[in-house]
C-alpha atoms as a PDB file:
ATOM      1  CA  MET A   1      18.839   2.874  -7.960  1.00  0.00           C
ATOM      2  CA  VAL A   2      17.802  -0.354  -9.645  1.00  0.00           C
ATOM      3  CA  ARG A   3      15.199  -0.044 -12.352  1.00  0.00           C
ATOM      4  CA  ARG A   4      12.142  -2.231 -11.834  1.00  0.00           C
ATOM      5  CA  THR A   5      10.425  -4.306 -14.438  1.00  0.00           C
ATOM      6  CA  LYS A   6       6.812  -3.591 -15.285  1.00  0.00           C
ATOM      7  CA  GLU A   7       5.824  -6.806 -13.508  1.00  0.00           C
ATOM      8  CA  GLU A   8       7.647  -5.787 -10.318  1.00  0.00           C
ATOM      9  CA  ALA A   9       6.097  -2.332 -10.436  1.00  0.00           C
ATOM     10  CA  GLN A  10       2.632  -3.839 -10.889  1.00  0.00           C
ATOM     11  CA  GLY A  11       3.234  -6.209  -7.972  1.00  0.00           C
ATOM     12  CA  THR A  12       4.246  -3.298  -5.753  1.00  0.00           C
ATOM     13  CA  ARG A  13       1.212  -1.311  -6.848  1.00  0.00           C
ATOM     14  CA  ASN A  14      -1.075  -4.247  -6.088  1.00  0.00           C
ATOM     15  CA  ARG A  15       0.414  -4.714  -2.602  1.00  0.00           C
ATOM     16  CA  VAL A  16       0.051  -1.008  -1.808  1.00  0.00           C
ATOM     17  CA  LEU A  17      -3.575  -0.957  -2.937  1.00  0.00           C
ATOM     18  CA  ALA A  18      -4.457  -4.149  -1.059  1.00  0.00           C
ATOM     19  CA  THR A  19      -2.906  -2.786   2.125  1.00  0.00           C
ATOM     20  CA  ALA A  20      -4.674   0.553   1.751  1.00  0.00           C
ATOM     21  CA  GLU A  21      -7.981  -1.196   1.226  1.00  0.00           C
ATOM     22  CA  LEU A  22      -7.497  -3.230   4.408  1.00  0.00           C
ATOM     23  CA  VAL A  23      -6.494  -0.212   6.495  1.00  0.00           C
ATOM     24  CA  PHE A  24      -9.393   1.856   5.104  1.00  0.00           C
ATOM     25  CA  TYR A  25     -11.770  -0.946   6.051  1.00  0.00           C
ATOM     26  CA  GLU A  26     -10.354  -1.238   9.581  1.00  0.00           C
ATOM     27  CA  LYS A  27      -9.916   2.470  10.412  1.00  0.00           C
ATOM     28  CA  GLY A  28     -12.088   4.272   7.897  1.00  0.00           C
ATOM     29  CA  VAL A  29     -10.823   6.575   5.199  1.00  0.00           C
ATOM     30  CA  SER A  30     -10.826   9.683   7.395  1.00  0.00           C
ATOM     31  CA  HIS A  31      -8.664   7.985  10.072  1.00  0.00           C
ATOM     32  CA  THR A  32      -6.088   6.499   7.724  1.00  0.00           C
ATOM     33  CA  THR A  33      -2.739   8.093   6.955  1.00  0.00           C
ATOM     34  CA  LEU A  34       0.013   7.134   4.558  1.00  0.00           C
ATOM     35  CA  ARG A  35       2.155   6.379   7.605  1.00  0.00           C
ATOM     36  CA  THR A  36      -0.444   3.906   8.912  1.00  0.00           C
ATOM     37  CA  SER A  37      -0.605   2.182   5.560  1.00  0.00           C
ATOM     38  CA  ARG A  38       3.183   2.132   5.180  1.00  0.00           C
ATOM     39  CA  ARG A  39       3.652   0.603   8.653  1.00  0.00           C
ATOM     40  CA  ARG A  40       1.181  -2.135   7.798  1.00  0.00           C
ATOM     41  CA  ARG A  41       3.134  -3.050   4.640  1.00  0.00           C
ATOM     42  CA  ALA A  42       6.475  -3.223   6.432  1.00  0.00           C
END
């Protein structure tokens, strides 16, 4: 496994949060799953 830099980790974190925010907005928090969010990122 390749170790990530702090900048890469922060970039990943930001992408995950931005995607989650979008999916929450579209589907609502109660209808959102990690799978839904992960599919959107892919």
